[in-house]
Amino acid sequence: CKALVHLDLAFNWNYKRLGPEGVGMLAEVLGGCKALAHLGLMSNDISDEGVGLLTEVLSECKALTRLDMSRNTIGAEGAGMIAAVLADCKLMARIDLNSN
């Protein structure tokens, strides 16, 4: 996945959203995606638990310019984790956390 630039898994309908478990599995793969610029995870019931699993990987995504984690069940704790990690993402232009 070294060449992956855009990954959008938004709106996984049919009640089979990623949730914390799916995000944990995704995080295992995303660590090698150094070129990833856009990650869309809108409406996946990620929760603070899922954010915790994902944040370690996000710190390795130096090319990330856009992150959409809107319409999940992320609380203040998860938002804080995202903010702490993304402070190192110098290319970040847009973060969407609305409707959490």
PDB file of N, CA and C in Angstrom:
ATOM      1  N   CYS A   1       0.826  -1.196   0.000  1.00  0.00           N
ATOM      2  CA  CYS A   1       0.000   0.000   0.000  1.00  0.00           C
ATOM      3  C   CYS A   1       0.867   1.255   0.000  1.00  0.00           C
ATOM      4  N   LYS A   2       2.110   1.124  -0.335  1.00  0.00           N
ATOM      5  CA  LYS A   2       3.017   2.269  -0.306  1.00  0.00           C
ATOM      6  C   LYS A   2       2.600   3.379  -1.256  1.00  0.00           C
ATOM      7  N   ALA A   3       1.903   3.051  -2.333  1.00  0.00           N
ATOM      8  CA  ALA A   3       1.511   4.054  -3.319  1.00  0.00           C
ATOM      9  C   ALA A   3       0.081   4.571  -3.106  1.00  0.00           C
ATOM     10  N   LEU A   4      -0.646   4.043  -2.135  1.00  0.00           N
ATOM     11  CA  LEU A   4      -2.035   4.449  -1.885  1.00  0.00           C
ATOM     12  C   LEU A   4      -2.088   5.910  -1.460  1.00  0.00           C
ATOM     13  N   VAL A   5      -2.888   6.706  -2.174  1.00  0.00           N
ATOM     14  CA  VAL A   5      -2.997   8.128  -1.905  1.00  0.00           C
ATOM     15  C   VAL A   5      -4.359   8.484  -1.319  1.00  0.00           C
ATOM     16  N   HIS A   6      -5.407   7.796  -1.738  1.00  0.00           N
ATOM     17  CA  HIS A   6      -6.779   8.135  -1.342  1.00  0.00           C
ATOM     18  C   HIS A   6      -7.516   6.869  -0.899  1.00  0.00           C
ATOM     19  N   LEU A   7      -8.023   6.880   0.325  1.00  0.00           N
ATOM     20  CA  LEU A   7      -8.823   5.764   0.825  1.00  0.00           C
ATOM     21  C   LEU A   7     -10.089   6.323   1.445  1.00  0.00           C
ATOM     22  N   ASP A   8     -11.224   5.973   0.876  1.00  0.00           N
ATOM     23  CA  ASP A   8     -12.505   6.464   1.374  1.00  0.00           C
ATOM     24  C   ASP A   8     -13.399   5.274   1.697  1.00  0.00           C
ATOM     25  N   LEU A   9     -13.640   5.056   2.980  1.00  0.00           N
ATOM     26  CA  LEU A   9     -14.506   3.970   3.447  1.00  0.00           C
ATOM     27  C   LEU A   9     -15.751   4.539   4.119  1.00  0.00           C
ATOM     28  N   ALA A  10     -16.164   5.713   3.680  1.00  0.00           N
ATOM     29  CA  ALA A  10     -17.325   6.378   4.253  1.00  0.00           C
ATOM     30  C   ALA A  10     -18.614   5.621   3.941  1.00  0.00           C
ATOM     31  N   PHE A  11     -19.563   5.776   4.840  1.00  0.00           N
ATOM     32  CA  PHE A  11     -20.908   5.225   4.650  1.00  0.00           C
ATOM     33  C   PHE A  11     -20.918   3.733   4.341  1.00  0.00           C
ATOM     34  N   ASN A  12     -20.299   2.946   5.167  1.00  0.00           N
ATOM     35  CA  ASN A  12     -20.406   1.500   5.024  1.00  0.00           C
ATOM     36  C   ASN A  12     -21.772   1.085   5.552  1.00  0.00           C
ATOM     37  N   TRP A  13     -22.717   1.034   4.670  1.00  0.00           N
ATOM     38  CA  TRP A  13     -24.103   0.770   5.040  1.00  0.00           C
ATOM     39  C   TRP A  13     -24.350  -0.703   5.309  1.00  0.00           C
ATOM     40  N   ASN A  14     -25.580  -1.098   5.318  1.00  0.00           N
ATOM     41  CA  ASN A  14     -26.013  -2.462   5.625  1.00  0.00           C
ATOM     42  C   ASN A  14     -25.645  -2.856   7.047  1.00  0.00           C
ATOM     43  N   TYR A  15     -25.527  -1.850   7.925  1.00  0.00           N
ATOM     44  CA  TYR A  15     -25.242  -2.083   9.339  1.00  0.00           C
ATOM     45  C   TYR A  15     -23.965  -2.861   9.570  1.00  0.00           C
ATOM     46  N   LYS A  16     -23.034  -2.763   8.643  1.00  0.00           N
ATOM     47  CA  LYS A  16     -21.743  -3.432   8.787  1.00  0.00           C
ATOM     48  C   LYS A  16     -20.640  -2.379   8.777  1.00  0.00           C
ATOM     49  N   ARG A  17     -20.789  -1.419   9.634  1.00  0.00           N
ATOM     50  CA  ARG A  17     -19.793  -0.363   9.723  1.00  0.00           C
ATOM     51  C   ARG A  17     -18.524  -0.899  10.370  1.00  0.00           C
ATOM     52  N   LEU A  18     -17.444  -0.198  10.191  1.00  0.00           N
ATOM     53  CA  LEU A  18     -16.161  -0.675  10.685  1.00  0.00           C
ATOM     54  C   LEU A  18     -16.125  -0.862  12.200  1.00  0.00           C
ATOM     55  N   GLY A  19     -16.590   0.133  12.931  1.00  0.00           N
ATOM     56  CA  GLY A  19     -16.520   0.073  14.379  1.00  0.00           C
ATOM     57  C   GLY A  19     -15.069   0.011  14.846  1.00  0.00           C
ATOM     58  N   PRO A  20     -14.854  -0.045  16.164  1.00  0.00           N
ATOM     59  CA  PRO A  20     -13.500  -0.083  16.690  1.00  0.00           C
ATOM     60  C   PRO A  20     -12.700  -1.294  16.199  1.00  0.00           C
ATOM     61  N   GLU A  21     -13.344  -2.430  16.097  1.00  0.00           N
ATOM     62  CA  GLU A  21     -12.635  -3.637  15.664  1.00  0.00           C
ATOM     63  C   GLU A  21     -12.126  -3.508  14.231  1.00  0.00           C
ATOM     64  N   GLY A  22     -12.985  -3.040  13.340  1.00  0.00           N
ATOM     65  CA  GLY A  22     -12.581  -2.864  11.940  1.00  0.00           C
ATOM     66  C   GLY A  22     -11.506  -1.810  11.780  1.00  0.00           C
ATOM     67  N   VAL A  23     -11.604  -0.740  12.552  1.00  0.00           N
ATOM     68  CA  VAL A  23     -10.589   0.309  12.493  1.00  0.00           C
ATOM     69  C   VAL A  23      -9.254  -0.227  12.999  1.00  0.00           C
ATOM     70  N   GLY A  24      -9.292  -1.094  13.988  1.00  0.00           N
ATOM     71  CA  GLY A  24      -8.065  -1.710  14.475  1.00  0.00           C
ATOM     72  C   GLY A  24      -7.386  -2.527  13.397  1.00  0.00           C
ATOM     73  N   MET A  25      -8.173  -3.275  12.636  1.00  0.00           N
ATOM     74  CA  MET A  25      -7.609  -4.064  11.532  1.00  0.00           C
ATOM     75  C   MET A  25      -7.072  -3.153  10.436  1.00  0.00           C
ATOM     76  N   LEU A  26      -7.806  -2.084  10.149  1.00  0.00           N
ATOM     77  CA  LEU A  26      -7.362  -1.122   9.144  1.00  0.00           C
ATOM     78  C   LEU A  26      -6.044  -0.466   9.568  1.00  0.00           C
ATOM     79  N   ALA A  27      -5.928  -0.145  10.835  1.00  0.00           N
ATOM     80  CA  ALA A  27      -4.721   0.502  11.349  1.00  0.00           C
ATOM     81  C   ALA A  27      -3.487  -0.364  11.129  1.00  0.00           C
ATOM     82  N   GLU A  28      -3.650  -1.663  11.222  1.00  0.00           N
ATOM     83  CA  GLU A  28      -2.521  -2.571  11.003  1.00  0.00           C
ATOM     84  C   GLU A  28      -1.955  -2.436   9.587  1.00  0.00           C
ATOM     85  N   VAL A  29      -2.816  -2.137   8.638  1.00  0.00           N
ATOM     86  CA  VAL A  29      -2.405  -2.017   7.238  1.00  0.00           C
ATOM     87  C   VAL A  29      -1.923  -0.611   6.904  1.00  0.00           C
ATOM     88  N   LEU A  30      -2.549   0.388   7.483  1.00  0.00           N
ATOM     89  CA  LEU A  30      -2.253   1.776   7.123  1.00  0.00           C
ATOM     90  C   LEU A  30      -0.851   2.242   7.503  1.00  0.00           C
ATOM     91  N   GLY A  31      -0.202   1.559   8.413  1.00  0.00           N
ATOM     92  CA  GLY A  31       1.137   1.966   8.829  1.00  0.00           C
ATOM     93  C   GLY A  31       2.135   2.049   7.691  1.00  0.00           C
ATOM     94  N   GLY A  32       1.946   1.243   6.670  1.00  0.00           N
ATOM     95  CA  GLY A  32       2.858   1.250   5.528  1.00  0.00           C
ATOM     96  C   GLY A  32       2.445   2.195   4.420  1.00  0.00           C
ATOM     97  N   CYS A  33       1.380   2.935   4.612  1.00  0.00           N
ATOM     98  CA  CYS A  33       0.853   3.820   3.566  1.00  0.00           C
ATOM     99  C   CYS A  33       1.431   5.225   3.713  1.00  0.00           C
ATOM    100  N   LYS A  34       2.668   5.360   3.382  1.00  0.00           N
ATOM    101  CA  LYS A  34       3.375   6.633   3.575  1.00  0.00           C
ATOM    102  C   LYS A  34       2.901   7.742   2.642  1.00  0.00           C
ATOM    103  N   ALA A  35       2.272   7.407   1.509  1.00  0.00           N
ATOM    104  CA  ALA A  35       1.815   8.410   0.549  1.00  0.00           C
ATOM    105  C   ALA A  35       0.358   8.819   0.770  1.00  0.00           C
ATOM    106  N   LEU A  36      -0.311   8.226   1.746  1.00  0.00           N
ATOM    107  CA  LEU A  36      -1.737   8.479   1.965  1.00  0.00           C
ATOM    108  C   LEU A  36      -1.995   9.956   2.250  1.00  0.00           C
ATOM    109  N   ALA A  37      -2.801  10.585   1.403  1.00  0.00           N
ATOM    110  CA  ALA A  37      -3.117  12.003   1.543  1.00  0.00           C
ATOM    111  C   ALA A  37      -4.542  12.227   2.044  1.00  0.00           C
ATOM    112  N   HIS A  38      -5.463  11.325   1.711  1.00  0.00           N
ATOM    113  CA  HIS A  38      -6.864  11.489   2.117  1.00  0.00           C
ATOM    114  C   HIS A  38      -7.376  10.198   2.730  1.00  0.00           C
ATOM    115  N   LEU A  39      -7.897  10.307   3.944  1.00  0.00           N
ATOM    116  CA  LEU A  39      -8.502   9.171   4.617  1.00  0.00           C
ATOM    117  C   LEU A  39      -9.919   9.549   5.007  1.00  0.00           C
ATOM    118  N   GLY A  40     -10.891   8.862   4.425  1.00  0.00           N
ATOM    119  CA  GLY A  40     -12.296   9.120   4.699  1.00  0.00           C
ATOM    120  C   GLY A  40     -12.926   7.960   5.457  1.00  0.00           C
ATOM    121  N   LEU A  41     -13.315   8.224   6.686  1.00  0.00           N
ATOM    122  CA  LEU A  41     -13.932   7.197   7.532  1.00  0.00           C
ATOM    123  C   LEU A  41     -15.271   7.666   8.095  1.00  0.00           C
ATOM    124  N   MET A  42     -15.958   8.487   7.352  1.00  0.00           N
ATOM    125  CA  MET A  42     -17.233   9.046   7.783  1.00  0.00           C
ATOM    126  C   MET A  42     -18.264   7.947   8.053  1.00  0.00           C
ATOM    127  N   SER A  43     -19.001   8.092   9.142  1.00  0.00           N
ATOM    128  CA  SER A  43     -20.154   7.249   9.454  1.00  0.00           C
ATOM    129  C   SER A  43     -19.797   5.764   9.580  1.00  0.00           C
ATOM    130  N   ASN A  44     -18.896   5.463  10.507  1.00  0.00           N
ATOM    131  CA  ASN A  44     -18.456   4.088  10.710  1.00  0.00           C
ATOM    132  C   ASN A  44     -18.496   3.623  12.165  1.00  0.00           C
ATOM    133  N   ASP A  45     -19.140   4.382  13.048  1.00  0.00           N
ATOM    134  CA  ASP A  45     -19.235   4.016  14.471  1.00  0.00           C
ATOM    135  C   ASP A  45     -17.864   3.707  15.080  1.00  0.00           C
ATOM    136  N   ILE A  46     -16.922   4.584  14.842  1.00  0.00           N
ATOM    137  CA  ILE A  46     -15.545   4.338  15.260  1.00  0.00           C
ATOM    138  C   ILE A  46     -15.354   4.439  16.772  1.00  0.00           C
ATOM    139  N   SER A  47     -15.899   5.412  17.423  1.00  0.00           N
ATOM    140  CA  SER A  47     -15.834   5.649  18.870  1.00  0.00           C
ATOM    141  C   SER A  47     -14.421   6.011  19.330  1.00  0.00           C
ATOM    142  N   ASP A  48     -14.335   6.436  20.578  1.00  0.00           N
ATOM    143  CA  ASP A  48     -13.037   6.792  21.151  1.00  0.00           C
ATOM    144  C   ASP A  48     -12.083   5.604  21.152  1.00  0.00           C
ATOM    145  N   GLU A  49     -12.612   4.426  21.360  1.00  0.00           N
ATOM    146  CA  GLU A  49     -11.787   3.214  21.352  1.00  0.00           C
ATOM    147  C   GLU A  49     -11.110   3.032  19.991  1.00  0.00           C
ATOM    148  N   GLY A  50     -11.880   3.176  18.931  1.00  0.00           N
ATOM    149  CA  GLY A  50     -11.328   3.044  17.582  1.00  0.00           C
ATOM    150  C   GLY A  50     -10.312   4.126  17.270  1.00  0.00           C
ATOM    151  N   VAL A  51     -10.584   5.337  17.742  1.00  0.00           N
ATOM    152  CA  VAL A  51      -9.637   6.439  17.533  1.00  0.00           C
ATOM    153  C   VAL A  51      -8.303   6.101  18.185  1.00  0.00           C
ATOM    154  N   GLY A  52      -8.353   5.526  19.380  1.00  0.00           N
ATOM    155  CA  GLY A  52      -7.127   5.142  20.065  1.00  0.00           C
ATOM    156  C   GLY A  52      -6.301   4.159  19.257  1.00  0.00           C
ATOM    157  N   LEU A  53      -6.961   3.254  18.559  1.00  0.00           N
ATOM    158  CA  LEU A  53      -6.255   2.279  17.728  1.00  0.00           C
ATOM    159  C   LEU A  53      -5.674   2.916  16.469  1.00  0.00           C
ATOM    160  N   LEU A  54      -6.343   3.937  15.988  1.00  0.00           N
ATOM    161  CA  LEU A  54      -5.951   4.570  14.732  1.00  0.00           C
ATOM    162  C   LEU A  54      -4.878   5.647  14.896  1.00  0.00           C
ATOM    163  N   THR A  55      -4.834   6.292  16.042  1.00  0.00           N
ATOM    164  CA  THR A  55      -3.947   7.447  16.198  1.00  0.00           C
ATOM    165  C   THR A  55      -2.462   7.105  16.067  1.00  0.00           C
ATOM    166  N   GLU A  56      -2.060   5.943  16.509  1.00  0.00           N
ATOM    167  CA  GLU A  56      -0.650   5.574  16.371  1.00  0.00           C
ATOM    168  C   GLU A  56      -0.235   5.560  14.901  1.00  0.00           C
ATOM    169  N   VAL A  57      -1.117   5.062  14.057  1.00  0.00           N
ATOM    170  CA  VAL A  57      -0.836   4.982  12.627  1.00  0.00           C
ATOM    171  C   VAL A  57      -0.893   6.363  11.988  1.00  0.00           C
ATOM    172  N   LEU A  58      -1.825   7.187  12.421  1.00  0.00           N
ATOM    173  CA  LEU A  58      -1.953   8.518  11.827  1.00  0.00           C
ATOM    174  C   LEU A  58      -0.688   9.334  12.010  1.00  0.00           C
ATOM    175  N   SER A  59       0.018   9.109  13.087  1.00  0.00           N
ATOM    176  CA  SER A  59       1.253   9.862  13.308  1.00  0.00           C
ATOM    177  C   SER A  59       2.330   9.507  12.281  1.00  0.00           C
ATOM    178  N   GLU A  60       2.194   8.361  11.628  1.00  0.00           N
ATOM    179  CA  GLU A  60       3.149   7.935  10.601  1.00  0.00           C
ATOM    180  C   GLU A  60       2.769   8.431   9.205  1.00  0.00           C
ATOM    181  N   CYS A  61       1.575   8.953   9.055  1.00  0.00           N
ATOM    182  CA  CYS A  61       1.067   9.391   7.751  1.00  0.00           C
ATOM    183  C   CYS A  61       1.424  10.855   7.516  1.00  0.00           C
ATOM    184  N   LYS A  62       2.660  11.103   7.209  1.00  0.00           N
ATOM    185  CA  LYS A  62       3.167  12.473   7.054  1.00  0.00           C
ATOM    186  C   LYS A  62       2.615  13.186   5.831  1.00  0.00           C
ATOM    187  N   ALA A  63       2.098  12.454   4.846  1.00  0.00           N
ATOM    188  CA  ALA A  63       1.554  13.067   3.632  1.00  0.00           C
ATOM    189  C   ALA A  63       0.064  13.400   3.771  1.00  0.00           C
ATOM    190  N   LEU A  64      -0.546  13.064   4.895  1.00  0.00           N
ATOM    191  CA  LEU A  64      -1.980  13.244   5.086  1.00  0.00           C
ATOM    192  C   LEU A  64      -2.365  14.717   5.025  1.00  0.00           C
ATOM    193  N   THR A  65      -3.288  15.040   4.104  1.00  0.00           N
ATOM    194  CA  THR A  65      -3.771  16.409   3.964  1.00  0.00           C
ATOM    195  C   THR A  65      -5.236  16.543   4.352  1.00  0.00           C
ATOM    196  N   ARG A  66      -5.972  15.424   4.336  1.00  0.00           N
ATOM    197  CA  ARG A  66      -7.407  15.478   4.628  1.00  0.00           C
ATOM    198  C   ARG A  66      -7.824  14.239   5.415  1.00  0.00           C
ATOM    199  N   LEU A  67      -8.532  14.475   6.511  1.00  0.00           N
ATOM    200  CA  LEU A  67      -9.054  13.405   7.352  1.00  0.00           C
ATOM    201  C   LEU A  67     -10.517  13.673   7.626  1.00  0.00           C
ATOM    202  N   ASP A  68     -11.375  12.745   7.248  1.00  0.00           N
ATOM    203  CA  ASP A  68     -12.812  12.881   7.496  1.00  0.00           C
ATOM    204  C   ASP A  68     -13.254  11.744   8.418  1.00  0.00           C
ATOM    205  N   MET A  69     -13.541  12.110   9.663  1.00  0.00           N
ATOM    206  CA  MET A  69     -14.043  11.155  10.635  1.00  0.00           C
ATOM    207  C   MET A  69     -15.371  11.657  11.195  1.00  0.00           C
ATOM    208  N   SER A  70     -16.126  12.349  10.364  1.00  0.00           N
ATOM    209  CA  SER A  70     -17.417  12.886  10.781  1.00  0.00           C
ATOM    210  C   SER A  70     -18.442  11.762  10.927  1.00  0.00           C
ATOM    211  N   ARG A  71     -19.488  12.068  11.676  1.00  0.00           N
ATOM    212  CA  ARG A  71     -20.624  11.156  11.880  1.00  0.00           C
ATOM    213  C   ARG A  71     -20.206   9.799  12.445  1.00  0.00           C
ATOM    214  N   ASN A  72     -19.294   9.831  13.372  1.00  0.00           N
ATOM    215  CA  ASN A  72     -18.921   8.648  14.131  1.00  0.00           C
ATOM    216  C   ASN A  72     -19.347   8.912  15.573  1.00  0.00           C
ATOM    217  N   THR A  73     -18.994   8.088  16.470  1.00  0.00           N
ATOM    218  CA  THR A  73     -19.358   8.297  17.874  1.00  0.00           C
ATOM    219  C   THR A  73     -18.108   8.664  18.668  1.00  0.00           C
ATOM    220  N   ILE A  74     -17.418   9.683  18.180  1.00  0.00           N
ATOM    221  CA  ILE A  74     -16.180  10.137  18.798  1.00  0.00           C
ATOM    222  C   ILE A  74     -16.509  11.227  19.812  1.00  0.00           C
ATOM    223  N   GLY A  75     -16.029  11.047  21.031  1.00  0.00           N
ATOM    224  CA  GLY A  75     -16.258  12.024  22.083  1.00  0.00           C
ATOM    225  C   GLY A  75     -15.058  12.939  22.267  1.00  0.00           C
ATOM    226  N   ALA A  76     -15.064  13.670  23.381  1.00  0.00           N
ATOM    227  CA  ALA A  76     -13.989  14.606  23.677  1.00  0.00           C
ATOM    228  C   ALA A  76     -12.646  13.886  23.806  1.00  0.00           C
ATOM    229  N   GLU A  77     -12.649  12.704  24.394  1.00  0.00           N
ATOM    230  CA  GLU A  77     -11.406  11.952  24.550  1.00  0.00           C
ATOM    231  C   GLU A  77     -10.797  11.609  23.187  1.00  0.00           C
ATOM    232  N   GLY A  78     -11.613  11.100  22.286  1.00  0.00           N
ATOM    233  CA  GLY A  78     -11.131  10.749  20.952  1.00  0.00           C
ATOM    234  C   GLY A  78     -10.672  11.960  20.174  1.00  0.00           C
ATOM    235  N   ALA A  79     -11.415  13.062  20.278  1.00  0.00           N
ATOM    236  CA  ALA A  79     -11.025  14.293  19.585  1.00  0.00           C
ATOM    237  C   ALA A  79      -9.681  14.791  20.097  1.00  0.00           C
ATOM    238  N   GLY A  80      -9.456  14.661  21.393  1.00  0.00           N
ATOM    239  CA  GLY A  80      -8.176  15.057  21.973  1.00  0.00           C
ATOM    240  C   GLY A  80      -7.032  14.209  21.455  1.00  0.00           C
ATOM    241  N   MET A  81      -7.279  12.907  21.307  1.00  0.00           N
ATOM    242  CA  MET A  81      -6.250  12.013  20.769  1.00  0.00           C
ATOM    243  C   MET A  81      -5.904  12.387  19.334  1.00  0.00           C
ATOM    244  N   ILE A  82      -6.926  12.699  18.546  1.00  0.00           N
ATOM    245  CA  ILE A  82      -6.707  13.097  17.150  1.00  0.00           C
ATOM    246  C   ILE A  82      -5.894  14.390  17.097  1.00  0.00           C
ATOM    247  N   ALA A  83      -6.276  15.362  17.906  1.00  0.00           N
ATOM    248  CA  ALA A  83      -5.569  16.648  17.911  1.00  0.00           C
ATOM    249  C   ALA A  83      -4.102  16.480  18.285  1.00  0.00           C
ATOM    250  N   ALA A  84      -3.824  15.642  19.268  1.00  0.00           N
ATOM    251  CA  ALA A  84      -2.447  15.441  19.716  1.00  0.00           C
ATOM    252  C   ALA A  84      -1.582  14.827  18.624  1.00  0.00           C
ATOM    253  N   VAL A  85      -2.122  13.869  17.907  1.00  0.00           N
ATOM    254  CA  VAL A  85      -1.357  13.180  16.869  1.00  0.00           C
ATOM    255  C   VAL A  85      -1.189  14.046  15.628  1.00  0.00           C
ATOM    256  N   LEU A  86      -2.236  14.734  15.249  1.00  0.00           N
ATOM    257  CA  LEU A  86      -2.197  15.488  14.000  1.00  0.00           C
ATOM    258  C   LEU A  86      -1.399  16.783  14.096  1.00  0.00           C
ATOM    259  N   ALA A  87      -0.968  17.125  15.284  1.00  0.00           N
ATOM    260  CA  ALA A  87      -0.118  18.306  15.431  1.00  0.00           C
ATOM    261  C   ALA A  87       1.182  18.134  14.649  1.00  0.00           C
ATOM    262  N   ASP A  88       1.580  16.882  14.428  1.00  0.00           N
ATOM    263  CA  ASP A  88       2.809  16.593  13.680  1.00  0.00           C
ATOM    264  C   ASP A  88       2.582  16.473  12.174  1.00  0.00           C
ATOM    265  N   CYS A  89       1.342  16.536  11.746  1.00  0.00           N
ATOM    266  CA  CYS A  89       1.024  16.402  10.313  1.00  0.00           C
ATOM    267  C   CYS A  89       1.070  17.784   9.672  1.00  0.00           C
ATOM    268  N   LYS A  90       2.216  18.143   9.192  1.00  0.00           N
ATOM    269  CA  LYS A  90       2.460  19.497   8.676  1.00  0.00           C
ATOM    270  C   LYS A  90       1.683  19.822   7.404  1.00  0.00           C
ATOM    271  N   LEU A  91       1.263  18.804   6.662  1.00  0.00           N
ATOM    272  CA  LEU A  91       0.553  19.029   5.406  1.00  0.00           C
ATOM    273  C   LEU A  91      -0.967  19.034   5.568  1.00  0.00           C
ATOM    274  N   MET A  92      -1.455  18.760   6.773  1.00  0.00           N
ATOM    275  CA  MET A  92      -2.896  18.662   7.007  1.00  0.00           C
ATOM    276  C   MET A  92      -3.590  19.972   6.650  1.00  0.00           C
ATOM    277  N   ALA A  93      -4.593  19.868   5.785  1.00  0.00           N
ATOM    278  CA  ALA A  93      -5.347  21.042   5.354  1.00  0.00           C
ATOM    279  C   ALA A  93      -6.788  21.002   5.840  1.00  0.00           C
ATOM    280  N   ARG A  94      -7.340  19.785   6.044  1.00  0.00           N
ATOM    281  CA  ARG A  94      -8.747  19.689   6.433  1.00  0.00           C
ATOM    282  C   ARG A  94      -8.984  18.480   7.331  1.00  0.00           C
ATOM    283  N   ILE A  95      -9.618  18.743   8.463  1.00  0.00           N
ATOM    284  CA  ILE A  95     -10.044  17.687   9.387  1.00  0.00           C
ATOM    285  C   ILE A  95     -11.532  17.889   9.615  1.00  0.00           C
ATOM    286  N   ASP A  96     -12.319  16.854   9.388  1.00  0.00           N
ATOM    287  CA  ASP A  96     -13.764  16.943   9.577  1.00  0.00           C
ATOM    288  C   ASP A  96     -14.188  15.988  10.679  1.00  0.00           C
ATOM    289  N   LEU A  97     -14.660  16.553  11.780  1.00  0.00           N
ATOM    290  CA  LEU A  97     -15.148  15.766  12.917  1.00  0.00           C
ATOM    291  C   LEU A  97     -16.589  16.147  13.260  1.00  0.00           C
ATOM    292  N   ASN A  98     -17.336  16.690  12.306  1.00  0.00           N
ATOM    293  CA  ASN A  98     -18.687  17.145  12.626  1.00  0.00           C
ATOM    294  C   ASN A  98     -19.615  15.975  12.954  1.00  0.00           C
ATOM    295  N   SER A  99     -20.674  16.285  13.667  1.00  0.00           N
ATOM    296  CA  SER A  99     -21.726  15.306  14.037  1.00  0.00           C
ATOM    297  C   SER A  99     -21.195  14.141  14.842  1.00  0.00           C
ATOM    298  N   ASN A 100     -20.317  14.425  15.757  1.00  0.00           N
ATOM    299  CA  ASN A 100     -19.845  13.423  16.700  1.00  0.00           C
ATOM    300  C   ASN A 100     -20.414  13.785  18.039  1.00  0.00           C
TER     301      ASN A 100
END
